[in-house]
Amino acid sequence: MNGAESLLRTLVGAGVDVCFANPGTSEMHFVSAIDRVEGMRPVLGLFEGAVTGMADGYGRMAERPAATLLHLGPGLANGLANLHNARRAATPIVNLVGDHATYHAQYDAPLASDIVGFARPVSAWVHESTSAGSVAADGARAVQSARSASGQIATLIVPADVAWLDAGEPADPLPVAAPSPVSSASVSAAVDALGNEKRTALLLRGASLRGDGLVAAGRIAAATGARLFCDTFAPRLERGAGRVVVERLPYFAEQLVEALAPIEQLILVGSTPPVAFFAYPGKPSWCSPDDAEILHLAQPHEDGVGALTELADALGAVTSGAVAPLQVPDHPTGSFDQFTIGQVIARLLPEGAIVSDEAATSGLGPAIALATAAPHDVLSLTGGAIGQGLPLAAGASVACPDRKVVCLHGDGGAMYTLQALWTMAREQLDVTTVIFANRSYGILNIELQRVGADSGPQALSMLDIGNPDLDWVSLATGMGVEAVRVDQIDAFRDAFASSMAQSGPRLIEAVL
């Protein structure tokens, strides 16, 4: 058994049984070892940004890490944007990066680079394996690190000779510590705050936005009148009929300030104080009220679900919180825009669906309509690096093959990682993609005005992607995904209904 095989067997033994990959020469012994390691599913992506985005989507839904397999420093660099998003989402990922053989490093070959330097900003743990005999133990440590706290990225760099030389037996899984319990003092402080009649809000993140955490938060809100918020781009949010209602914070700084202005106390549960996405001339960066008291019920690495449950019990909160009703809209007629499209999606979305949302400026309509649709999960663009939605949807589908996945995507952002469509076709993933084709970087046109920059014809052309128009039907069908173009609401309704009634990847280009 060589180092590659011992490492893969270690990963499988530790519960890491999917590898999203775009390998090269230095990783060929990993490629070969997959045929000898039962239980490891390889999923090929045609661009490293798609690979890392798929690992993110998988980790968010499976709640355990997948592995990636990337080729040297340039391959890792290609995947950094979606590793950045995954880090912001606290997604567990075992990020494997091949390197030149140890004895070859001295020659400064063309693909040589500072892999550690590339990896460190997006990784909580980085390690370079030095021998085939120790690589299995390194792999066990990588899994342990990835599953630590709320989830994080562990990057293991494996030189080619470490992979091909003879190695020992796989390493046993290492224990994974449960999230740290919150202190009784933090719970007591929150009890006191919720009893002082000041206007209070809880800002929830992580596991607090699903399952028992959401239920406990609803109990607290029902007992005290506290408002429940989540970040604009929460990693994963359970939403729809029967779920406790959580208000999503606005994106733009002045709207965020306005939303929080009445709040006198802000209790953070796995979250951090809200700040503006960008600095703008004359607009605030810090968006919480200056005179509001900020309390930490649970830090991101702590057990937010347990903290909320303990807090609800301490308050004597026995009544369930208000939940969203099931209220689907009628089939819309007439206009064709993000709001009528959202109404169709909300009416036809099946229970248990997963929505990967990178619709950008076209996302408001679906978000409003889906609030009272069938219960579903929403995955958002956590780190703001566009090009996440398609691979996120693909990875979520690999993790949950029995659930329909709907990807809502702007046409500009989708071009960053459209290669994920090919993986959807290859793996026959049940993903329906809706491309909002406004032929523009719509959000950047808004940002251009907000920062106060001059905008002449040349400047505006930098934000225009309609010359020539992208042909998403051709792009999708060229990668094996059935696709249709629509520009009327009745046609969209028919296309979306057909897709919901069938399995497999499909794309609808909605020309706005």
Protein backbone atom coordinates (compact mmCIF):
# COMPACT_ATOMS: atom_id res chain seq x y z
CA MET A 1 0.00 0.00 0.00
CA ASN A 2 1.39 3.39 -0.98
CA GLY A 3 0.91 6.71 0.76
CA ALA A 4 -2.02 7.76 -1.40
CA GLU A 5 -3.95 4.60 -0.65
CA SER A 6 -3.23 4.74 3.08
CA LEU A 7 -4.43 8.35 3.15
CA LEU A 8 -7.64 7.62 1.24
CA ARG A 9 -8.42 4.63 3.46
CA THR A 10 -7.87 6.85 6.49
CA LEU A 11 -10.31 9.42 5.13
CA VAL A 12 -12.99 6.80 4.43
CA GLY A 13 -12.53 5.33 7.90
CA ALA A 14 -13.10 8.79 9.36
CA GLY A 15 -16.34 9.31 7.43
CA VAL A 16 -14.95 11.34 4.52
CA ASP A 17 -16.29 9.35 1.56
CA VAL A 18 -16.67 11.93 -1.23
CA CYS A 19 -13.76 13.57 -3.05
CA PHE A 20 -14.41 16.53 -5.35
CA ALA A 21 -11.40 16.64 -7.60
CA ASN A 22 -9.51 18.27 -10.43
CA PRO A 23 -6.21 16.38 -10.31
CA GLY A 24 -2.94 16.77 -12.20
CA THR A 25 0.37 14.96 -12.56
CA SER A 26 1.34 15.18 -8.89
CA GLU A 27 -1.96 13.56 -7.86
CA MET A 28 -1.98 10.59 -10.24
CA HIS A 29 -1.30 8.10 -7.46
CA PHE A 30 -4.41 9.37 -5.70
CA VAL A 31 -6.37 8.89 -8.90
CA SER A 32 -5.06 5.35 -9.16
CA ALA A 33 -5.74 4.58 -5.49
CA ILE A 34 -9.45 5.44 -5.81
CA ASP A 35 -9.95 2.19 -7.74
CA ARG A 36 -8.53 0.26 -4.78
CA VAL A 37 -10.33 2.10 -1.97
CA GLU A 38 -13.89 0.97 -1.52
CA GLY A 39 -16.26 3.63 -0.25
CA MET A 40 -14.65 6.75 -1.74
CA ARG A 41 -16.82 8.47 -4.35
CA PRO A 42 -14.87 10.65 -6.79
CA VAL A 43 -16.66 13.64 -8.34
CA LEU A 44 -14.82 15.41 -11.13
CA GLY A 45 -15.04 19.17 -11.62
CA LEU A 46 -13.66 20.92 -14.69
CA PHE A 47 -12.41 23.94 -12.78
CA GLU A 48 -11.04 24.13 -9.26
CA GLY A 49 -13.46 26.90 -8.27
CA ALA A 50 -16.29 24.49 -9.06
CA VAL A 51 -14.54 21.75 -7.06
CA THR A 52 -14.19 23.84 -3.90
CA GLY A 53 -17.72 25.23 -4.24
CA MET A 54 -19.13 21.70 -4.50
CA ALA A 55 -17.24 20.69 -1.35
CA ASP A 56 -18.82 23.69 0.38
CA GLY A 57 -22.37 22.75 -0.68
CA TYR A 58 -21.79 19.15 0.35
CA GLY A 59 -20.43 20.10 3.78
CA ARG A 60 -23.27 22.52 4.55
CA MET A 61 -25.91 19.87 3.88
CA ALA A 62 -24.14 16.69 5.00
CA GLU A 63 -22.76 18.40 8.13
CA ARG A 64 -19.50 16.53 7.66
CA PRO A 65 -16.51 17.15 5.40
CA ALA A 66 -15.85 16.08 1.88
CA ALA A 67 -12.32 16.04 0.51
CA THR A 68 -11.03 18.09 -2.37
CA LEU A 69 -8.11 17.09 -4.58
CA LEU A 70 -6.30 20.02 -6.21
CA HIS A 71 -3.18 20.27 -8.36
CA LEU A 72 -0.27 22.20 -6.86
CA GLY A 73 -0.35 25.90 -6.04
CA PRO A 74 -2.08 27.10 -9.25
CA GLY A 75 -4.88 24.56 -8.78
CA LEU A 76 -5.35 25.70 -5.21
CA ALA A 77 -5.26 29.34 -6.33
CA ASN A 78 -8.04 28.65 -8.84
CA GLY A 79 -10.17 27.31 -5.99
CA LEU A 80 -9.48 30.06 -3.45
CA ALA A 81 -12.60 32.18 -4.03
CA ASN A 82 -14.98 29.41 -3.06
CA LEU A 83 -12.71 28.28 -0.24
CA HIS A 84 -13.06 31.84 1.01
CA ASN A 85 -16.85 31.47 0.85
CA ALA A 86 -16.63 28.10 2.61
CA ARG A 87 -14.48 29.59 5.39
CA ARG A 88 -17.08 32.29 5.93
CA ALA A 89 -19.75 29.58 6.06
CA ALA A 90 -17.75 27.53 8.61
CA THR A 91 -17.98 24.54 6.27
CA PRO A 92 -15.86 21.50 7.14
CA ILE A 93 -13.55 20.59 4.23
CA VAL A 94 -10.46 18.37 3.99
CA ASN A 95 -8.54 20.23 1.31
CA LEU A 96 -5.88 17.97 -0.29
CA VAL A 97 -3.29 19.68 -2.47
CA GLY A 98 -0.64 17.76 -4.37
CA ASP A 99 2.91 19.07 -4.57
CA HIS A 100 6.12 18.28 -6.39
CA ALA A 101 8.11 15.35 -5.05
CA THR A 102 10.23 16.41 -2.07
CA TYR A 103 13.52 15.92 -3.92
CA HIS A 104 12.23 17.85 -6.94
CA ALA A 105 11.49 21.04 -5.02
CA GLN A 106 15.11 22.20 -5.22
CA TYR A 107 14.87 22.64 -9.01
CA ASP A 108 12.17 25.36 -8.97
CA ALA A 109 10.09 23.68 -11.67
CA PRO A 110 7.58 25.84 -13.56
CA LEU A 111 4.62 24.89 -11.34
CA ALA A 112 6.48 25.39 -8.07
CA SER A 113 4.86 27.95 -5.76
CA ASP A 114 4.21 28.86 -2.16
CA ILE A 115 1.30 26.48 -1.51
CA VAL A 116 1.33 27.19 2.21
CA GLY A 117 1.10 30.91 1.47
CA PHE A 118 -1.91 30.33 -0.80
CA ALA A 119 -3.62 28.03 1.69
CA ARG A 120 -3.17 29.85 4.96
CA PRO A 121 -5.70 32.70 4.50
CA VAL A 122 -8.56 30.25 3.85
CA SER A 123 -7.48 27.44 6.19
CA ALA A 124 -7.69 26.97 9.94
CA TRP A 125 -5.08 24.18 9.73
CA VAL A 126 -2.27 23.73 7.18
CA HIS A 127 0.25 20.90 7.14
CA GLU A 128 2.83 19.55 4.69
CA SER A 129 3.28 15.78 4.78
CA THR A 130 6.92 14.73 4.73
CA SER A 131 6.80 10.95 4.49
CA ALA A 132 4.61 8.12 3.25
CA GLY A 133 4.82 6.57 6.68
CA SER A 134 3.17 9.54 8.38
CA VAL A 135 0.70 10.72 5.74
CA ALA A 136 -2.15 8.57 7.09
CA ALA A 137 -1.74 10.09 10.55
CA ASP A 138 -1.65 13.52 8.91
CA GLY A 139 -4.94 12.70 7.19
CA ALA A 140 -6.57 11.73 10.49
CA ARG A 141 -5.46 15.03 11.97
CA ALA A 142 -6.84 16.89 8.95
CA VAL A 143 -10.28 15.31 9.43
CA GLN A 144 -10.18 16.08 13.14
CA SER A 145 -9.34 19.71 12.41
CA ALA A 146 -12.01 20.07 9.71
CA ARG A 147 -14.67 18.80 12.12
CA SER A 148 -13.53 21.00 15.00
CA ALA A 149 -15.58 23.89 16.33
CA SER A 150 -18.45 24.71 13.99
CA GLY A 151 -16.50 23.41 10.97
CA GLN A 152 -13.39 24.66 9.24
CA ILE A 153 -11.00 24.07 6.33
CA ALA A 154 -8.01 21.80 6.89
CA THR A 155 -5.43 21.86 4.09
CA LEU A 156 -3.05 18.92 3.76
CA ILE A 157 -0.24 19.28 1.21
CA VAL A 158 0.99 15.92 -0.13
CA PRO A 159 4.20 15.74 -2.21
CA ALA A 160 4.07 13.27 -5.10
CA ASP A 161 6.68 10.91 -3.63
CA VAL A 162 4.83 10.82 -0.31
CA ALA A 163 1.88 9.53 -2.33
CA TRP A 164 3.73 6.90 -4.34
CA LEU A 165 6.17 5.45 -1.77
CA ASP A 166 5.27 2.43 0.33
CA ALA A 167 3.34 3.25 3.48
CA GLY A 168 1.94 1.57 6.54
CA GLU A 169 -1.65 0.89 7.55
CA PRO A 170 -4.36 3.56 7.55
CA ALA A 171 -4.67 5.63 10.71
CA ASP A 172 -7.62 5.32 13.06
CA PRO A 173 -10.05 8.25 13.31
CA LEU A 174 -9.21 10.79 15.99
CA PRO A 175 -11.83 11.98 18.49
CA VAL A 176 -13.73 15.12 17.56
CA ALA A 177 -14.62 17.43 20.38
CA ALA A 178 -18.21 18.58 20.65
CA PRO A 179 -18.82 22.34 20.51
CA SER A 180 -17.85 24.02 23.74
CA PRO A 181 -20.74 24.59 26.15
CA VAL A 182 -21.60 28.17 26.92
CA SER A 183 -20.96 29.52 30.37
CA SER A 184 -23.76 29.84 32.89
CA ALA A 185 -22.78 33.50 33.18
CA SER A 186 -23.59 34.07 29.49
CA VAL A 187 -27.01 32.45 29.89
CA SER A 188 -27.72 34.44 33.07
CA ALA A 189 -26.73 37.70 31.35
CA ALA A 190 -29.12 36.92 28.50
CA VAL A 191 -31.93 36.08 30.96
CA ASP A 192 -31.41 39.42 32.67
CA ALA A 193 -31.32 41.29 29.37
CA LEU A 194 -34.52 39.68 28.13
CA GLY A 195 -36.26 40.60 31.38
CA ASN A 196 -35.42 44.30 31.50
CA GLU A 197 -38.10 45.36 28.99
CA LYS A 198 -35.60 46.85 26.57
CA ARG A 199 -36.13 46.20 22.86
CA THR A 200 -34.02 43.13 22.17
CA ALA A 201 -33.03 41.06 19.15
CA LEU A 202 -31.19 37.77 18.75
CA LEU A 203 -28.80 37.50 15.79
CA LEU A 204 -28.55 33.79 14.88
CA ARG A 205 -26.02 31.91 12.79
CA GLY A 206 -24.85 28.37 12.17
CA ALA A 207 -26.78 25.45 13.65
CA SER A 208 -29.05 27.91 15.47
CA LEU A 209 -30.87 28.50 12.18
CA ARG A 210 -32.17 24.97 11.85
CA GLY A 211 -33.76 22.17 13.84
CA ASP A 212 -33.73 22.39 17.62
CA GLY A 213 -31.89 25.71 17.58
CA LEU A 214 -34.61 27.40 15.55
CA VAL A 215 -37.33 25.90 17.75
CA ALA A 216 -35.63 27.16 20.93
CA ALA A 217 -35.18 30.62 19.40
CA GLY A 218 -38.89 30.66 18.59
CA ARG A 219 -39.73 29.80 22.21
CA ILE A 220 -37.57 32.69 23.40
CA ALA A 221 -39.19 35.13 20.98
CA ALA A 222 -42.69 33.99 22.00
CA ALA A 223 -41.91 34.42 25.71
CA THR A 224 -40.11 37.76 25.56
CA GLY A 225 -41.08 39.55 22.34
CA ALA A 226 -37.48 39.53 21.15
CA ARG A 227 -36.97 39.74 17.41
CA LEU A 228 -35.04 37.06 15.56
CA PHE A 229 -32.52 38.06 12.88
CA CYS A 230 -30.02 36.26 10.71
CA ASP A 231 -27.21 37.60 8.54
CA THR A 232 -27.96 38.72 5.01
CA PHE A 233 -26.05 35.68 3.76
CA ALA A 234 -26.56 32.93 6.30
CA PRO A 235 -24.78 29.68 5.38
CA ARG A 236 -27.91 27.58 5.79
CA LEU A 237 -31.39 28.60 6.88
CA GLU A 238 -34.47 26.41 7.35
CA ARG A 239 -37.35 28.42 5.93
CA GLY A 240 -40.95 28.16 4.77
CA ALA A 241 -44.19 26.81 6.21
CA GLY A 242 -44.00 25.44 9.73
CA ARG A 243 -40.61 27.04 10.43
CA VAL A 244 -39.95 29.75 12.98
CA VAL A 245 -39.75 33.07 11.16
CA VAL A 246 -36.34 34.76 11.16
CA GLU A 247 -35.83 38.20 9.65
CA ARG A 248 -32.97 38.43 7.18
CA LEU A 249 -30.86 41.56 7.68
CA PRO A 250 -30.77 43.89 4.67
CA TYR A 251 -27.72 44.08 2.43
CA PHE A 252 -27.19 47.83 2.05
CA ALA A 253 -25.65 49.63 5.01
CA GLU A 254 -28.27 52.35 5.47
CA GLN A 255 -31.08 49.77 5.31
CA LEU A 256 -29.23 47.66 7.86
CA VAL A 257 -28.85 50.64 10.18
CA GLU A 258 -32.56 51.40 9.81
CA ALA A 259 -33.56 47.79 10.56
CA LEU A 260 -31.51 47.73 13.75
CA ALA A 261 -32.23 51.30 14.89
CA PRO A 262 -35.01 50.33 17.34
CA ILE A 263 -32.84 47.64 18.98
CA GLU A 264 -31.47 48.48 22.44
CA GLN A 265 -29.90 45.07 23.10
CA LEU A 266 -28.42 42.67 20.57
CA ILE A 267 -27.73 39.09 21.67
CA LEU A 268 -25.31 37.24 19.39
CA VAL A 269 -25.68 33.48 18.90
CA GLY A 270 -22.79 32.14 16.85
CA SER A 271 -22.61 35.45 15.02
CA THR A 272 -20.69 38.72 15.03
CA PRO A 273 -21.96 42.32 15.12
CA PRO A 274 -23.36 43.45 11.75
CA VAL A 275 -21.16 45.64 9.58
CA ALA A 276 -21.51 47.06 6.09
CA PHE A 277 -20.39 44.82 3.24
CA PHE A 278 -18.31 47.69 1.85
CA ALA A 279 -17.25 51.15 2.85
CA TYR A 280 -19.16 53.93 1.07
CA PRO A 281 -18.47 57.66 1.17
CA GLY A 282 -20.63 59.21 3.87
CA LYS A 283 -22.21 55.90 4.96
CA PRO A 284 -21.55 53.88 8.13
CA SER A 285 -19.35 50.82 8.41
CA TRP A 286 -20.56 49.81 11.88
CA CYS A 287 -24.28 49.13 11.60
CA SER A 288 -25.42 48.31 15.12
CA PRO A 289 -26.89 51.23 17.10
CA ASP A 290 -24.07 53.03 18.93
CA ASP A 291 -25.95 52.94 22.22
CA ALA A 292 -27.09 49.30 21.95
CA GLU A 293 -25.65 46.78 24.39
CA ILE A 294 -24.15 43.76 22.63
CA LEU A 295 -24.10 40.43 24.46
CA HIS A 296 -22.54 37.15 23.36
CA LEU A 297 -24.74 34.21 24.28
CA ALA A 298 -22.60 31.85 22.20
CA GLN A 299 -19.38 32.42 20.29
CA PRO A 300 -19.07 30.78 16.84
CA HIS A 301 -17.11 27.82 18.28
CA GLU A 302 -19.60 27.27 21.10
CA ASP A 303 -22.81 25.26 21.27
CA GLY A 304 -25.37 27.80 20.10
CA VAL A 305 -28.20 25.27 19.96
CA GLY A 306 -27.55 24.16 23.52
CA ALA A 307 -27.29 27.79 24.63
CA LEU A 308 -30.65 28.69 23.10
CA THR A 309 -32.30 25.63 24.65
CA GLU A 310 -30.82 26.43 28.05
CA LEU A 311 -31.92 30.05 27.73
CA ALA A 312 -35.46 29.08 26.74
CA ASP A 313 -35.68 26.72 29.72
CA ALA A 314 -34.32 29.37 32.09
CA LEU A 315 -36.99 31.79 30.87
CA GLY A 316 -39.72 29.18 31.35
CA ALA A 317 -40.52 29.55 27.66
CA VAL A 318 -42.81 26.64 26.90
CA THR A 319 -44.89 28.09 24.08
CA SER A 320 -43.65 27.42 20.56
CA GLY A 321 -42.78 30.44 18.55
CA ALA A 322 -44.83 31.75 15.66
CA VAL A 323 -44.20 29.81 12.47
CA ALA A 324 -44.75 30.73 8.86
CA PRO A 325 -48.10 29.58 7.42
CA LEU A 326 -48.34 27.56 4.23
CA GLN A 327 -49.53 30.21 1.83
CA VAL A 328 -48.52 29.69 -1.78
CA PRO A 329 -49.39 32.32 -4.36
CA ASP A 330 -51.74 31.84 -7.26
CA HIS A 331 -50.20 31.30 -10.66
CA PRO A 332 -49.22 34.80 -11.77
CA THR A 333 -50.19 36.29 -15.11
CA GLY A 334 -49.02 39.27 -17.07
CA SER A 335 -45.61 40.70 -16.23
CA PHE A 336 -42.40 38.70 -16.37
CA ASP A 337 -40.01 39.75 -13.65
CA GLN A 338 -38.28 38.47 -10.52
CA PHE A 339 -41.49 38.78 -8.49
CA THR A 340 -43.73 36.73 -10.76
CA ILE A 341 -40.91 34.22 -11.26
CA GLY A 342 -40.60 33.98 -7.47
CA GLN A 343 -44.35 33.35 -7.19
CA VAL A 344 -44.13 30.43 -9.63
CA ILE A 345 -41.16 28.94 -7.79
CA ALA A 346 -42.92 29.29 -4.42
CA ARG A 347 -46.08 27.64 -5.73
CA LEU A 348 -44.31 24.65 -7.28
CA LEU A 349 -41.36 24.11 -4.92
CA PRO A 350 -41.61 20.62 -3.39
CA GLU A 351 -41.32 20.04 0.35
CA GLY A 352 -37.75 19.47 1.48
CA ALA A 353 -36.17 21.26 -1.46
CA ILE A 354 -32.80 22.98 -1.19
CA VAL A 355 -32.46 26.47 -2.68
CA SER A 356 -28.98 27.69 -3.63
CA ASP A 357 -29.39 31.45 -3.93
CA GLU A 358 -26.99 33.59 -5.90
CA ALA A 359 -29.64 35.53 -7.75
CA ALA A 360 -28.12 38.88 -6.65
CA THR A 361 -30.35 41.74 -7.82
CA SER A 362 -33.09 39.30 -8.89
CA GLY A 363 -33.22 37.48 -5.58
CA LEU A 364 -35.69 39.67 -3.70
CA GLY A 365 -38.75 38.41 -5.55
CA PRO A 366 -38.13 34.71 -4.86
CA ALA A 367 -37.10 35.43 -1.25
CA ILE A 368 -40.40 37.19 -0.53
CA ALA A 369 -42.52 34.50 -2.17
CA LEU A 370 -40.65 31.57 -0.62
CA ALA A 371 -41.24 32.80 2.95
CA THR A 372 -44.54 30.87 3.10
CA ALA A 373 -43.76 28.13 0.58
CA ALA A 374 -43.26 24.46 1.43
CA PRO A 375 -40.49 23.97 4.01
CA HIS A 376 -37.03 24.11 2.47
CA ASP A 377 -33.38 24.99 3.12
CA VAL A 378 -31.67 28.10 1.72
CA LEU A 379 -27.92 28.26 1.04
CA SER A 380 -26.48 31.74 0.53
CA LEU A 381 -23.36 33.43 -0.82
CA THR A 382 -21.60 33.72 2.51
CA GLY A 383 -18.33 35.34 1.57
CA GLY A 384 -19.54 37.53 -1.28
CA ALA A 385 -17.22 35.98 -3.88
CA ILE A 386 -19.56 35.38 -6.81
CA GLY A 387 -19.59 32.11 -8.69
CA GLN A 388 -20.71 29.97 -5.78
CA GLY A 389 -24.33 29.16 -6.59
CA LEU A 390 -23.91 26.48 -9.27
CA PRO A 391 -21.25 24.37 -7.51
CA LEU A 392 -22.98 24.89 -4.17
CA ALA A 393 -26.13 23.38 -5.68
CA ALA A 394 -24.18 20.48 -7.16
CA GLY A 395 -22.49 19.67 -3.86
CA ALA A 396 -25.78 19.90 -1.98
CA SER A 397 -27.31 17.43 -4.42
CA VAL A 398 -24.45 14.97 -3.90
CA ALA A 399 -25.05 15.23 -0.14
CA CYS A 400 -28.86 14.91 -0.42
CA PRO A 401 -29.69 12.92 -3.57
CA ASP A 402 -33.31 12.43 -2.48
CA ARG A 403 -34.04 16.17 -2.34
CA LYS A 404 -34.80 18.52 -5.22
CA VAL A 405 -32.24 21.33 -5.54
CA VAL A 406 -33.12 24.67 -7.14
CA CYS A 407 -30.31 27.07 -8.02
CA LEU A 408 -31.24 30.73 -8.51
CA HIS A 409 -28.42 32.54 -10.25
CA GLY A 410 -27.57 35.80 -11.96
CA ASP A 411 -26.10 35.43 -15.43
CA GLY A 412 -22.90 37.30 -14.60
CA GLY A 413 -22.04 35.29 -11.50
CA ALA A 414 -22.93 31.98 -13.15
CA MET A 415 -20.21 32.47 -15.77
CA TYR A 416 -17.54 32.17 -13.08
CA THR A 417 -18.20 28.48 -12.45
CA LEU A 418 -20.51 27.30 -15.22
CA GLN A 419 -18.36 24.16 -15.41
CA ALA A 420 -20.48 22.86 -12.51
CA LEU A 421 -23.23 22.25 -15.08
CA TRP A 422 -21.06 19.56 -16.65
CA THR A 423 -20.65 17.84 -13.29
CA MET A 424 -24.43 17.98 -12.78
CA ALA A 425 -24.88 16.19 -16.10
CA ARG A 426 -22.11 13.65 -15.48
CA GLU A 427 -23.45 12.75 -12.01
CA GLN A 428 -27.12 13.15 -13.04
CA LEU A 429 -27.78 15.48 -10.14
CA ASP A 430 -31.36 16.58 -9.55
CA VAL A 431 -30.70 20.32 -9.87
CA THR A 432 -32.89 22.86 -11.62
CA THR A 433 -31.02 26.07 -12.40
CA VAL A 434 -32.84 29.33 -13.09
CA ILE A 435 -30.63 31.91 -14.77
CA PHE A 436 -31.89 35.49 -14.36
CA ALA A 437 -30.54 36.87 -17.63
CA ASN A 438 -30.51 40.65 -17.35
CA ARG A 439 -27.34 40.90 -19.51
CA SER A 440 -25.60 42.92 -16.84
CA TYR A 441 -23.59 42.85 -13.65
CA GLY A 442 -26.70 44.32 -12.05
CA ILE A 443 -25.35 44.64 -8.53
CA LEU A 444 -22.25 46.44 -9.79
CA ASN A 445 -24.37 49.03 -11.59
CA ILE A 446 -25.97 49.75 -8.23
CA GLU A 447 -22.62 49.84 -6.46
CA LEU A 448 -21.22 52.21 -9.09
CA GLN A 449 -23.85 54.76 -8.11
CA ARG A 450 -23.55 54.11 -4.38
CA VAL A 451 -19.82 54.80 -4.20
CA GLY A 452 -20.31 58.06 -6.11
CA ALA A 453 -18.03 57.17 -9.03
CA ASP A 454 -18.48 58.91 -12.38
CA SER A 455 -20.08 56.69 -15.01
CA GLY A 456 -19.51 57.47 -18.65
CA PRO A 457 -20.05 55.10 -21.59
CA GLN A 458 -16.70 53.33 -21.17
CA ALA A 459 -17.30 52.79 -17.47
CA LEU A 460 -20.80 51.42 -18.04
CA SER A 461 -19.50 49.05 -20.71
CA MET A 462 -17.39 47.36 -18.03
CA LEU A 463 -20.59 46.27 -16.29
CA ASP A 464 -22.51 45.27 -19.43
CA ILE A 465 -22.42 41.58 -20.41
CA GLY A 466 -25.00 41.87 -23.20
CA ASN A 467 -22.62 42.57 -26.08
CA PRO A 468 -22.79 39.82 -27.21
CA ASP A 469 -25.65 38.19 -25.31
CA LEU A 470 -24.76 35.01 -23.45
CA ASP A 471 -26.59 31.99 -24.83
CA TRP A 472 -27.34 29.91 -21.75
CA VAL A 473 -29.31 27.30 -23.66
CA SER A 474 -26.29 26.57 -25.82
CA LEU A 475 -23.89 26.74 -22.88
CA ALA A 476 -25.97 24.29 -20.86
CA THR A 477 -26.79 21.85 -23.65
CA GLY A 478 -23.13 21.88 -24.67
CA MET A 479 -22.36 20.45 -21.24
CA GLY A 480 -25.17 17.90 -21.27
CA VAL A 481 -27.86 19.79 -19.37
CA GLU A 482 -31.32 20.11 -20.92
CA ALA A 483 -32.19 23.80 -21.22
CA VAL A 484 -34.88 26.18 -22.39
CA ARG A 485 -35.13 29.96 -22.83
CA VAL A 486 -38.28 31.81 -21.74
CA ASP A 487 -39.37 35.44 -21.69
CA GLN A 488 -43.01 35.10 -20.57
CA ILE A 489 -44.41 34.00 -17.24
CA ASP A 490 -46.63 31.25 -18.68
CA ALA A 491 -43.66 29.70 -20.45
CA PHE A 492 -41.59 29.89 -17.27
CA ARG A 493 -44.39 28.24 -15.30
CA ASP A 494 -44.57 25.36 -17.78
CA ALA A 495 -40.78 24.90 -17.83
CA PHE A 496 -40.42 24.99 -14.05
CA ALA A 497 -43.36 22.65 -13.50
CA SER A 498 -41.87 20.17 -15.96
CA SER A 499 -38.53 20.31 -14.19
CA MET A 500 -40.10 19.77 -10.76
CA ALA A 501 -41.94 16.71 -12.09
CA GLN A 502 -38.78 15.07 -13.44
CA SER A 503 -35.39 14.10 -12.07
CA GLY A 504 -32.01 15.21 -13.34
CA PRO A 505 -30.31 18.49 -14.24
CA ARG A 506 -32.17 21.19 -16.13
CA LEU A 507 -31.66 24.88 -16.80
CA ILE A 508 -34.17 27.64 -17.48
CA GLU A 509 -32.84 30.90 -18.91
CA ALA A 510 -35.27 33.63 -17.86
CA VAL A 511 -34.62 36.64 -20.10
CA LEU A 512 -35.57 39.77 -18.17
